[in-house]
Amino acid sequence: MSDIIEHKIKSLIDKGKLENAFNLLVDTYQEKLYWQIRNMVKIHDDADDVVQNVMIKVWNNLSSFRWDSKLNSWLFRIAYNESITFIHKEKRKVESAGGDYLLFLAEKFESDAYYESTEMEKKFQLAIASLPDKQREVFHLKYYEDKKYEEIVELIGGSIGGLKSNYHHAVKKIKEFIETH
């Protein structure tokens, strides 16, 4: 299915119908990108903002996409990078104001009308947020996106052994966080 859609999008771009290609891309991938981003940034309004940033980047770069990789891989990478950038900005903003990022995130969970979960799920999300960046990124890609280590290496670099170690440590830290909070 996605190969057919990618072919249609490429064909539209080749014919100079960039707006049609972009609209097809949005119709096909926007929901999947939203949920990928939502799993990373957690809050609905934040995910909407990041999706908008992703779509702007896609629009600005669609005509120059080289097609030497799959379109959905390119979209995933843009969404992943925009999500990481958003998380880092939020964390820096909170911490530079003297705040605690985990407290800030917990308050956002409570105030998000679209975030429904049990106390255990909130604790799980806070445990993930408490991880060092690399461990959080590897955990997200492995746990939520079900990526293979080879795919994760392509996305964020490192070695397979290092990524396995990061994932193992992330799981251990999440368990410890849940047990102590």
N, C-alpha and C. Protein backbone atom coordinates (compact mmCIF):
# COMPACT_ATOMS: atom_id res chain seq x y z
N MET A 1 0.83 -1.20 0.00
CA MET A 1 0.00 0.00 0.00
C MET A 1 0.86 1.25 0.00
N SER A 2 1.82 1.34 0.93
CA SER A 2 2.60 2.58 0.99
C SER A 2 3.48 2.75 -0.24
N ASP A 3 3.90 1.63 -0.87
CA ASP A 3 4.68 1.74 -2.11
C ASP A 3 3.84 2.36 -3.22
N ILE A 4 2.56 2.01 -3.27
CA ILE A 4 1.66 2.57 -4.28
C ILE A 4 1.47 4.06 -4.03
N ILE A 5 1.25 4.42 -2.78
CA ILE A 5 1.07 5.84 -2.42
C ILE A 5 2.35 6.62 -2.72
N GLU A 6 3.50 6.05 -2.34
CA GLU A 6 4.77 6.73 -2.62
C GLU A 6 4.94 6.95 -4.11
N HIS A 7 4.59 5.94 -4.92
CA HIS A 7 4.70 6.07 -6.38
C HIS A 7 3.79 7.19 -6.88
N LYS A 8 2.55 7.25 -6.35
CA LYS A 8 1.62 8.31 -6.75
C LYS A 8 2.16 9.69 -6.38
N ILE A 9 2.71 9.80 -5.18
CA ILE A 9 3.27 11.08 -4.73
C ILE A 9 4.43 11.49 -5.62
N LYS A 10 5.33 10.55 -5.90
CA LYS A 10 6.48 10.84 -6.77
C LYS A 10 6.01 11.26 -8.16
N SER A 11 5.02 10.56 -8.68
CA SER A 11 4.49 10.88 -10.00
C SER A 11 3.91 12.29 -10.03
N LEU A 12 3.17 12.66 -8.98
CA LEU A 12 2.59 14.01 -8.91
C LEU A 12 3.69 15.07 -8.84
N ILE A 13 4.73 14.80 -8.07
CA ILE A 13 5.85 15.74 -7.97
C ILE A 13 6.53 15.88 -9.33
N ASP A 14 6.77 14.75 -9.99
CA ASP A 14 7.42 14.76 -11.31
C ASP A 14 6.60 15.56 -12.33
N LYS A 15 5.28 15.56 -12.17
CA LYS A 15 4.40 16.30 -13.09
C LYS A 15 4.24 17.76 -12.67
N GLY A 16 4.95 18.16 -11.60
CA GLY A 16 4.85 19.54 -11.13
C GLY A 16 3.62 19.83 -10.30
N LYS A 17 2.94 18.79 -9.85
CA LYS A 17 1.72 18.96 -9.04
C LYS A 17 2.08 18.78 -7.56
N LEU A 18 2.92 19.67 -7.09
CA LEU A 18 3.44 19.57 -5.72
C LEU A 18 2.34 19.66 -4.67
N GLU A 19 1.39 20.57 -4.88
CA GLU A 19 0.31 20.72 -3.90
C GLU A 19 -0.53 19.45 -3.82
N ASN A 20 -0.82 18.83 -4.95
CA ASN A 20 -1.58 17.57 -4.95
C ASN A 20 -0.78 16.46 -4.25
N ALA A 21 0.52 16.42 -4.52
CA ALA A 21 1.38 15.43 -3.88
C ALA A 21 1.39 15.62 -2.37
N PHE A 22 1.52 16.87 -1.95
CA PHE A 22 1.54 17.17 -0.52
C PHE A 22 0.21 16.79 0.13
N ASN A 23 -0.90 17.12 -0.51
CA ASN A 23 -2.21 16.78 0.04
C ASN A 23 -2.38 15.27 0.19
N LEU A 24 -1.92 14.51 -0.79
CA LEU A 24 -1.98 13.05 -0.70
C LEU A 24 -1.10 12.55 0.44
N LEU A 25 0.07 13.13 0.55
CA LEU A 25 0.99 12.76 1.64
C LEU A 25 0.34 13.03 3.00
N VAL A 26 -0.26 14.20 3.16
CA VAL A 26 -0.91 14.56 4.42
C VAL A 26 -2.05 13.58 4.71
N ASP A 27 -2.90 13.34 3.70
CA ASP A 27 -4.02 12.41 3.89
C ASP A 27 -3.55 11.02 4.30
N THR A 28 -2.43 10.60 3.76
CA THR A 28 -1.93 9.26 3.99
C THR A 28 -1.18 9.12 5.33
N TYR A 29 -0.37 10.11 5.67
CA TYR A 29 0.57 9.93 6.78
C TYR A 29 0.30 10.78 8.02
N GLN A 30 -0.57 11.77 7.96
CA GLN A 30 -0.71 12.70 9.08
C GLN A 30 -1.12 12.01 10.38
N GLU A 31 -2.07 11.11 10.33
CA GLU A 31 -2.52 10.46 11.56
C GLU A 31 -1.41 9.59 12.17
N LYS A 32 -0.72 8.85 11.31
CA LYS A 32 0.37 8.01 11.81
C LYS A 32 1.47 8.88 12.43
N LEU A 33 1.80 9.99 11.78
CA LEU A 33 2.81 10.91 12.32
C LEU A 33 2.35 11.51 13.65
N TYR A 34 1.05 11.87 13.70
CA TYR A 34 0.51 12.43 14.94
C TYR A 34 0.75 11.46 16.10
N TRP A 35 0.41 10.20 15.91
CA TRP A 35 0.54 9.24 17.01
C TRP A 35 1.99 8.94 17.34
N GLN A 36 2.84 8.93 16.33
CA GLN A 36 4.27 8.77 16.60
C GLN A 36 4.76 9.93 17.47
N ILE A 37 4.39 11.12 17.10
CA ILE A 37 4.82 12.31 17.83
C ILE A 37 4.15 12.34 19.20
N ARG A 38 2.89 12.01 19.27
CA ARG A 38 2.16 12.02 20.55
C ARG A 38 2.80 11.06 21.54
N ASN A 39 3.25 9.90 21.07
CA ASN A 39 3.93 8.96 21.95
C ASN A 39 5.21 9.56 22.52
N MET A 40 5.81 10.47 21.80
CA MET A 40 7.06 11.07 22.27
C MET A 40 6.81 12.29 23.15
N VAL A 41 5.94 13.20 22.72
CA VAL A 41 5.76 14.46 23.46
C VAL A 41 4.64 14.37 24.49
N LYS A 42 3.79 13.37 24.35
CA LYS A 42 2.75 12.98 25.31
C LYS A 42 1.49 13.82 25.30
N ILE A 43 1.56 15.11 25.09
CA ILE A 43 0.41 16.01 25.24
C ILE A 43 -0.17 16.34 23.86
N HIS A 44 -1.50 16.28 23.76
CA HIS A 44 -2.20 16.48 22.49
C HIS A 44 -1.83 17.81 21.81
N ASP A 45 -1.95 18.91 22.53
CA ASP A 45 -1.67 20.22 21.93
C ASP A 45 -0.22 20.32 21.47
N ASP A 46 0.69 19.77 22.25
CA ASP A 46 2.11 19.76 21.86
C ASP A 46 2.31 18.93 20.60
N ALA A 47 1.64 17.78 20.55
CA ALA A 47 1.76 16.92 19.36
C ALA A 47 1.23 17.64 18.13
N ASP A 48 0.11 18.34 18.28
CA ASP A 48 -0.42 19.11 17.14
C ASP A 48 0.59 20.14 16.65
N ASP A 49 1.24 20.83 17.59
CA ASP A 49 2.24 21.84 17.22
C ASP A 49 3.41 21.21 16.48
N VAL A 50 3.88 20.07 16.98
CA VAL A 50 5.01 19.40 16.35
C VAL A 50 4.62 18.87 14.97
N VAL A 51 3.40 18.32 14.83
CA VAL A 51 2.94 17.85 13.52
C VAL A 51 2.94 19.02 12.53
N GLN A 52 2.48 20.16 12.98
CA GLN A 52 2.47 21.33 12.10
C GLN A 52 3.89 21.69 11.65
N ASN A 53 4.84 21.67 12.58
CA ASN A 53 6.24 21.94 12.22
C ASN A 53 6.78 20.91 11.23
N VAL A 54 6.40 19.65 11.44
CA VAL A 54 6.84 18.59 10.54
C VAL A 54 6.28 18.84 9.14
N MET A 55 5.00 19.17 9.06
CA MET A 55 4.37 19.38 7.76
C MET A 55 4.97 20.59 7.04
N ILE A 56 5.34 21.61 7.76
CA ILE A 56 6.01 22.76 7.15
C ILE A 56 7.35 22.33 6.56
N LYS A 57 8.11 21.55 7.33
CA LYS A 57 9.40 21.06 6.81
C LYS A 57 9.21 20.16 5.59
N VAL A 58 8.21 19.31 5.65
CA VAL A 58 7.94 18.42 4.53
C VAL A 58 7.57 19.24 3.29
N TRP A 59 6.69 20.22 3.45
CA TRP A 59 6.29 21.06 2.33
C TRP A 59 7.50 21.77 1.72
N ASN A 60 8.35 22.30 2.60
CA ASN A 60 9.52 23.05 2.12
C ASN A 60 10.56 22.17 1.43
N ASN A 61 10.55 20.87 1.72
CA ASN A 61 11.60 19.99 1.19
C ASN A 61 11.09 18.87 0.29
N LEU A 62 9.79 18.80 0.08
CA LEU A 62 9.22 17.69 -0.69
C LEU A 62 9.75 17.65 -2.12
N SER A 63 9.87 18.78 -2.75
CA SER A 63 10.30 18.79 -4.15
C SER A 63 11.77 18.39 -4.30
N SER A 64 12.53 18.49 -3.20
CA SER A 64 13.95 18.11 -3.28
C SER A 64 14.23 16.73 -2.67
N PHE A 65 13.17 16.02 -2.26
CA PHE A 65 13.36 14.67 -1.74
C PHE A 65 13.98 13.80 -2.83
N ARG A 66 15.05 13.09 -2.49
CA ARG A 66 15.86 12.37 -3.48
C ARG A 66 15.35 10.96 -3.82
N TRP A 67 14.44 10.42 -3.07
CA TRP A 67 13.86 9.11 -3.32
C TRP A 67 14.87 7.98 -3.24
N ASP A 68 16.02 8.22 -2.56
CA ASP A 68 16.96 7.13 -2.35
C ASP A 68 16.65 6.38 -1.06
N SER A 69 15.62 6.84 -0.35
CA SER A 69 15.09 6.12 0.80
C SER A 69 13.57 6.15 0.68
N LYS A 70 12.91 5.41 1.54
CA LYS A 70 11.44 5.39 1.51
C LYS A 70 10.90 6.70 2.04
N LEU A 71 9.81 7.14 1.48
CA LEU A 71 9.18 8.38 1.90
C LEU A 71 8.77 8.31 3.37
N ASN A 72 8.18 7.19 3.78
CA ASN A 72 7.75 7.10 5.17
C ASN A 72 8.94 7.10 6.14
N SER A 73 10.10 6.61 5.73
CA SER A 73 11.30 6.68 6.57
C SER A 73 11.74 8.14 6.72
N TRP A 74 11.69 8.88 5.62
CA TRP A 74 12.04 10.30 5.64
C TRP A 74 11.09 11.07 6.56
N LEU A 75 9.80 10.80 6.44
CA LEU A 75 8.80 11.46 7.28
C LEU A 75 9.01 11.12 8.75
N PHE A 76 9.27 9.83 9.02
CA PHE A 76 9.50 9.40 10.39
C PHE A 76 10.70 10.13 10.98
N ARG A 77 11.75 10.25 10.21
CA ARG A 77 12.97 10.91 10.70
C ARG A 77 12.71 12.39 11.00
N ILE A 78 11.98 13.06 10.13
CA ILE A 78 11.65 14.47 10.38
C ILE A 78 10.81 14.57 11.65
N ALA A 79 9.80 13.71 11.78
CA ALA A 79 8.93 13.74 12.95
C ALA A 79 9.71 13.42 14.22
N TYR A 80 10.58 12.45 14.13
CA TYR A 80 11.40 12.07 15.28
C TYR A 80 12.29 13.25 15.70
N ASN A 81 12.98 13.85 14.74
CA ASN A 81 13.88 14.96 15.06
C ASN A 81 13.13 16.17 15.60
N GLU A 82 11.97 16.47 15.04
CA GLU A 82 11.17 17.59 15.54
C GLU A 82 10.67 17.31 16.96
N SER A 83 10.31 16.07 17.24
CA SER A 83 9.85 15.70 18.59
C SER A 83 10.97 15.85 19.61
N ILE A 84 12.16 15.36 19.26
CA ILE A 84 13.32 15.48 20.16
C ILE A 84 13.65 16.95 20.40
N THR A 85 13.63 17.74 19.34
CA THR A 85 13.90 19.18 19.48
C THR A 85 12.88 19.82 20.41
N PHE A 86 11.61 19.48 20.24
CA PHE A 86 10.56 20.03 21.10
C PHE A 86 10.78 19.65 22.56
N ILE A 87 11.07 18.39 22.81
CA ILE A 87 11.28 17.92 24.19
C ILE A 87 12.47 18.65 24.82
N HIS A 88 13.55 18.78 24.09
CA HIS A 88 14.74 19.46 24.63
C HIS A 88 14.45 20.93 24.92
N LYS A 89 13.71 21.60 24.05
CA LYS A 89 13.35 23.01 24.28
C LYS A 89 12.49 23.15 25.53
N GLU A 90 11.49 22.27 25.65
CA GLU A 90 10.61 22.31 26.82
C GLU A 90 11.41 22.09 28.11
N LYS A 91 12.28 21.10 28.08
CA LYS A 91 13.08 20.77 29.26
C LYS A 91 13.99 21.93 29.64
N ARG A 92 14.67 22.50 28.64
CA ARG A 92 15.55 23.66 28.92
C ARG A 92 14.77 24.84 29.46
N LYS A 93 13.60 25.10 28.88
CA LYS A 93 12.77 26.23 29.31
C LYS A 93 12.36 26.07 30.78
N VAL A 94 11.91 24.89 31.14
CA VAL A 94 11.47 24.62 32.51
C VAL A 94 12.65 24.71 33.47
N GLU A 95 13.75 24.05 33.11
CA GLU A 95 14.90 24.00 34.02
C GLU A 95 15.60 25.35 34.13
N SER A 96 15.61 26.16 33.07
CA SER A 96 16.23 27.49 33.17
C SER A 96 15.41 28.43 34.04
N ALA A 97 14.12 28.12 34.19
CA ALA A 97 13.27 28.92 35.08
C ALA A 97 13.31 28.36 36.51
N GLY A 98 14.18 27.38 36.74
CA GLY A 98 14.32 26.80 38.08
C GLY A 98 13.30 25.72 38.40
N GLY A 99 12.58 25.27 37.39
CA GLY A 99 11.56 24.26 37.62
C GLY A 99 12.08 22.84 37.49
N ASP A 100 11.24 21.91 37.88
CA ASP A 100 11.53 20.49 37.77
C ASP A 100 10.73 19.96 36.57
N TYR A 101 11.42 19.44 35.59
CA TYR A 101 10.76 19.01 34.36
C TYR A 101 9.74 17.91 34.62
N LEU A 102 10.03 16.96 35.51
CA LEU A 102 9.07 15.89 35.78
C LEU A 102 7.80 16.42 36.43
N LEU A 103 7.95 17.38 37.32
CA LEU A 103 6.77 18.01 37.93
C LEU A 103 5.96 18.74 36.87
N PHE A 104 6.66 19.47 36.03
CA PHE A 104 6.02 20.20 34.93
C PHE A 104 5.24 19.23 34.04
N LEU A 105 5.85 18.13 33.70
CA LEU A 105 5.21 17.13 32.83
C LEU A 105 4.00 16.51 33.54
N ALA A 106 4.13 16.22 34.81
CA ALA A 106 3.01 15.65 35.57
C ALA A 106 1.83 16.61 35.58
N GLU A 107 2.11 17.91 35.73
CA GLU A 107 1.04 18.92 35.71
C GLU A 107 0.40 18.99 34.32
N LYS A 108 1.21 18.85 33.28
CA LYS A 108 0.65 18.87 31.92
C LYS A 108 -0.24 17.66 31.69
N PHE A 109 0.15 16.50 32.22
CA PHE A 109 -0.71 15.32 32.10
C PHE A 109 -2.07 15.59 32.73
N GLU A 110 -2.03 16.18 33.92
CA GLU A 110 -3.26 16.45 34.67
C GLU A 110 -4.17 17.44 33.94
N SER A 111 -3.57 18.42 33.27
CA SER A 111 -4.37 19.47 32.64
C SER A 111 -4.75 19.16 31.19
N ASP A 112 -4.22 18.11 30.61
CA ASP A 112 -4.53 17.78 29.22
C ASP A 112 -5.86 17.02 29.16
N ALA A 113 -6.86 17.67 28.57
CA ALA A 113 -8.19 17.06 28.47
C ALA A 113 -8.19 15.79 27.63
N TYR A 114 -7.19 15.65 26.75
CA TYR A 114 -7.13 14.50 25.85
C TYR A 114 -6.30 13.35 26.41
N TYR A 115 -5.67 13.58 27.56
CA TYR A 115 -4.80 12.55 28.13
C TYR A 115 -5.56 11.78 29.20
N GLU A 116 -6.00 10.59 28.84
CA GLU A 116 -6.71 9.75 29.80
C GLU A 116 -5.84 8.56 30.14
N SER A 117 -5.58 8.40 31.43
CA SER A 117 -4.78 7.25 31.82
C SER A 117 -4.96 6.99 33.31
N THR A 118 -4.49 5.83 33.70
CA THR A 118 -4.51 5.46 35.11
C THR A 118 -3.30 6.10 35.79
N GLU A 119 -3.28 6.05 37.08
CA GLU A 119 -2.12 6.56 37.83
C GLU A 119 -0.86 5.78 37.45
N MET A 120 -1.02 4.49 37.21
CA MET A 120 0.14 3.67 36.83
C MET A 120 0.70 4.12 35.48
N GLU A 121 -0.19 4.42 34.53
CA GLU A 121 0.26 4.89 33.22
C GLU A 121 0.99 6.23 33.34
N LYS A 122 0.46 7.12 34.18
CA LYS A 122 1.13 8.41 34.39
C LYS A 122 2.51 8.20 35.00
N LYS A 123 2.58 7.28 35.96
CA LYS A 123 3.87 6.97 36.58
C LYS A 123 4.85 6.40 35.55
N PHE A 124 4.32 5.55 34.67
CA PHE A 124 5.14 4.97 33.61
C PHE A 124 5.67 6.07 32.68
N GLN A 125 4.80 7.01 32.30
CA GLN A 125 5.22 8.11 31.42
C GLN A 125 6.26 9.01 32.10
N LEU A 126 6.08 9.26 33.37
CA LEU A 126 7.07 10.07 34.11
C LEU A 126 8.39 9.32 34.23
N ALA A 127 8.32 8.01 34.41
CA ALA A 127 9.55 7.20 34.47
C ALA A 127 10.31 7.30 33.15
N ILE A 128 9.59 7.24 32.04
CA ILE A 128 10.23 7.38 30.73
C ILE A 128 10.84 8.77 30.60
N ALA A 129 10.10 9.79 31.00
CA ALA A 129 10.59 11.17 30.90
C ALA A 129 11.82 11.40 31.76
N SER A 130 11.98 10.62 32.82
CA SER A 130 13.12 10.80 33.72
C SER A 130 14.42 10.19 33.19
N LEU A 131 14.31 9.41 32.12
CA LEU A 131 15.49 8.74 31.56
C LEU A 131 16.44 9.76 30.91
N PRO A 132 17.73 9.45 30.90
CA PRO A 132 18.65 10.26 30.10
C PRO A 132 18.21 10.22 28.64
N ASP A 133 18.54 11.27 27.89
CA ASP A 133 18.05 11.43 26.52
C ASP A 133 18.23 10.18 25.67
N LYS A 134 19.42 9.66 25.59
CA LYS A 134 19.72 8.53 24.70
C LYS A 134 18.87 7.31 25.09
N GLN A 135 18.78 7.03 26.40
CA GLN A 135 17.99 5.89 26.85
C GLN A 135 16.51 6.09 26.54
N ARG A 136 16.01 7.31 26.73
CA ARG A 136 14.61 7.61 26.44
C ARG A 136 14.34 7.42 24.95
N GLU A 137 15.24 7.91 24.11
CA GLU A 137 15.07 7.80 22.67
C GLU A 137 15.07 6.34 22.22
N VAL A 138 16.02 5.57 22.72
CA VAL A 138 16.10 4.15 22.35
C VAL A 138 14.87 3.41 22.87
N PHE A 139 14.46 3.70 24.09
CA PHE A 139 13.28 3.04 24.66
C PHE A 139 12.05 3.34 23.81
N HIS A 140 11.88 4.60 23.47
CA HIS A 140 10.71 4.99 22.67
C HIS A 140 10.69 4.24 21.33
N LEU A 141 11.81 4.23 20.65
CA LEU A 141 11.87 3.60 19.33
C LEU A 141 11.65 2.09 19.40
N LYS A 142 12.16 1.49 20.44
CA LYS A 142 12.02 0.03 20.59
C LYS A 142 10.63 -0.34 21.12
N TYR A 143 10.18 0.35 22.17
CA TYR A 143 8.94 -0.03 22.86
C TYR A 143 7.70 0.42 22.08
N TYR A 144 7.66 1.70 21.69
CA TYR A 144 6.47 2.23 21.03
C TYR A 144 6.47 2.02 19.52
N GLU A 145 7.60 2.18 18.90
CA GLU A 145 7.67 2.09 17.44
C GLU A 145 8.05 0.70 16.95
N ASP A 146 8.45 -0.17 17.88
CA ASP A 146 8.83 -1.55 17.56
C ASP A 146 9.90 -1.61 16.48
N LYS A 147 10.85 -0.69 16.57
CA LYS A 147 11.95 -0.65 15.59
C LYS A 147 12.99 -1.71 15.95
N LYS A 148 13.63 -2.25 14.93
CA LYS A 148 14.75 -3.16 15.13
C LYS A 148 15.98 -2.31 15.43
N TYR A 149 16.95 -2.90 16.10
CA TYR A 149 18.16 -2.15 16.46
C TYR A 149 18.86 -1.59 15.22
N GLU A 150 18.82 -2.34 14.13
CA GLU A 150 19.46 -1.85 12.89
C GLU A 150 18.79 -0.56 12.41
N GLU A 151 17.47 -0.48 12.56
CA GLU A 151 16.75 0.73 12.16
C GLU A 151 17.06 1.89 13.11
N ILE A 152 17.20 1.57 14.39
CA ILE A 152 17.50 2.61 15.37
C ILE A 152 18.89 3.18 15.11
N VAL A 153 19.83 2.33 14.76
CA VAL A 153 21.18 2.80 14.42
C VAL A 153 21.10 3.83 13.29
N GLU A 154 20.28 3.54 12.27
CA GLU A 154 20.13 4.47 11.15
C GLU A 154 19.54 5.80 11.58
N LEU A 155 18.65 5.76 12.56
CA LEU A 155 17.98 6.98 13.00
C LEU A 155 18.82 7.84 13.93
N ILE A 156 19.42 7.21 14.94
CA ILE A 156 20.09 8.02 15.96
C ILE A 156 21.58 7.71 16.11
N GLY A 157 22.07 6.75 15.33
CA GLY A 157 23.50 6.44 15.40
C GLY A 157 23.84 5.50 16.53
N GLY A 158 25.12 5.29 16.72
CA GLY A 158 25.60 4.38 17.75
C GLY A 158 25.82 2.99 17.20
N SER A 159 26.04 2.06 18.12
CA SER A 159 26.24 0.67 17.73
C SER A 159 25.07 -0.16 18.26
N ILE A 160 24.86 -1.30 17.67
CA ILE A 160 23.77 -2.16 18.12
C ILE A 160 23.99 -2.56 19.57
N GLY A 161 25.22 -2.90 19.93
CA GLY A 161 25.51 -3.26 21.33
C GLY A 161 25.22 -2.11 22.29
N GLY A 162 25.60 -0.92 21.88
CA GLY A 162 25.34 0.27 22.71
C GLY A 162 23.86 0.54 22.86
N LEU A 163 23.11 0.37 21.77
CA LEU A 163 21.67 0.59 21.83
C LEU A 163 20.98 -0.46 22.71
N LYS A 164 21.44 -1.71 22.60
CA LYS A 164 20.88 -2.76 23.46
C LYS A 164 21.14 -2.44 24.92
N SER A 165 22.33 -1.96 25.20
CA SER A 165 22.68 -1.57 26.57
C SER A 165 21.80 -0.42 27.06
N ASN A 166 21.61 0.58 26.20
CA ASN A 166 20.75 1.71 26.56
C ASN A 166 19.33 1.24 26.84
N TYR A 167 18.81 0.34 26.02
CA TYR A 167 17.45 -0.16 26.23
C TYR A 167 17.36 -0.94 27.54
N HIS A 168 18.34 -1.79 27.79
CA HIS A 168 18.36 -2.58 29.02
C HIS A 168 18.37 -1.66 30.25
N HIS A 169 19.24 -0.64 30.23
CA HIS A 169 19.32 0.30 31.35
C HIS A 169 18.03 1.10 31.49
N ALA A 170 17.42 1.46 30.37
CA ALA A 170 16.15 2.20 30.41
C ALA A 170 15.07 1.38 31.10
N VAL A 171 14.95 0.12 30.72
CA VAL A 171 13.93 -0.76 31.32
C VAL A 171 14.18 -0.89 32.82
N LYS A 172 15.42 -1.07 33.20
CA LYS A 172 15.77 -1.20 34.61
C LYS A 172 15.42 0.07 35.39
N LYS A 173 15.75 1.23 34.82
CA LYS A 173 15.46 2.51 35.49
C LYS A 173 13.96 2.76 35.58
N ILE A 174 13.22 2.37 34.56
CA ILE A 174 11.76 2.55 34.59
C ILE A 174 11.18 1.70 35.72
N LYS A 175 11.61 0.46 35.83
CA LYS A 175 11.12 -0.41 36.92
C LYS A 175 11.46 0.19 38.27
N GLU A 176 12.70 0.68 38.44
CA GLU A 176 13.09 1.29 39.72
C GLU A 176 12.27 2.53 40.02
N PHE A 177 12.03 3.36 39.03
CA PHE A 177 11.23 4.57 39.21
C PHE A 177 9.83 4.23 39.68
N ILE A 178 9.21 3.26 39.03
CA ILE A 178 7.85 2.87 39.37
C ILE A 178 7.78 2.30 40.78
N GLU A 179 8.78 1.52 41.15
CA GLU A 179 8.80 0.93 42.50
C GLU A 179 9.02 1.96 43.60
N THR A 180 9.71 3.05 43.30
CA THR A 180 10.05 4.03 44.35
C THR A 180 9.15 5.27 44.36
N HIS A 181 8.28 5.41 43.39
CA HIS A 181 7.43 6.61 43.35
C HIS A 181 5.97 6.26 43.52
